[in-house]
Amino acid sequence: MRFDAYLFDVQGTLLDFYTPVRAAVAEHLSALGRPDIDPGDLTRAWRTDYFTRVSTLDQLSGPWQKVQGQYEAGFAAVAASYGLPAPDAASATRVAASWQRLVPWPDVRDGLAAIRSGALTATLSNTDMATVIGLARRLDLRFDALFTAELFSRFKPDPQVYLGALGFLGIAPQRAALVAAHPYDLDAAAALGLGTVFVARPDEYGDPALAHSAEPGRYTQAVTGIDQIE
């Protein structure tokens, strides 16, 4: 492998969140008798709400505020924006639990195994430790280490998240690469001297027209699956 260590974003990059989350949203809408609302649109709005919440959340001044709790609060807010009744706590928890039932993209299992045979591999996710541990165990995805924002009390793209993970691994930034489907994440890693691997995920948001893209030469490597990483 070109690098000694590869850090992997999880949601969207390794795992498909749209399919299971949309299914949970569709079930909720069906129970409310609201076929007029597109569950895909609501799912995308919920994802946008999540990014807004974590970008303004202060995790340094007190105990870690669980991202799963932010999903529950976000679902209630997005439901209200669609004119839906406020979900009770049990409903919000049930629908938000779909973020813990993500599924790997087809290239992930074999791709991870191939990379791990020649380099260290680790997650680097903005979600909670319990969520990543649960996903890795349930899906039998094997890494040398699991890192999330919770360990560093801050979210990507804060530099301390990337540098903190590399510190635990004992790897210099120039000997590591971030693998992600999101330019904001890769740009932050590149600014610190890490290599960057952009993974195209055309179905991440359920519509290829909404998928992230990267112009040629912007990153160290651009692939359509992690089984193509060199």
Foldseek 3Di string as FASTA:
>chain_A
DQFQEEEEEPQLQFWQLQVLLLVLQVVVCVVVVNPVDRSLVLVVQLVVQLVVVQVPDQQPPDDGDASLVVSLVSSQVSCVVVVHPRDDPVSSNVSSCSNLVTGGDPQRQVLQVVVVVRHAYEYEYAHDPVSVVSNCVVHVRDGPYYAYCNVVSGHPPPVCSVVVVCVVVVHQQLRYEYEEQDPSNRVSSVVRNHAYEHAWDCCNSPHNVPGDDDDPPPGPYYYPHSSPPD
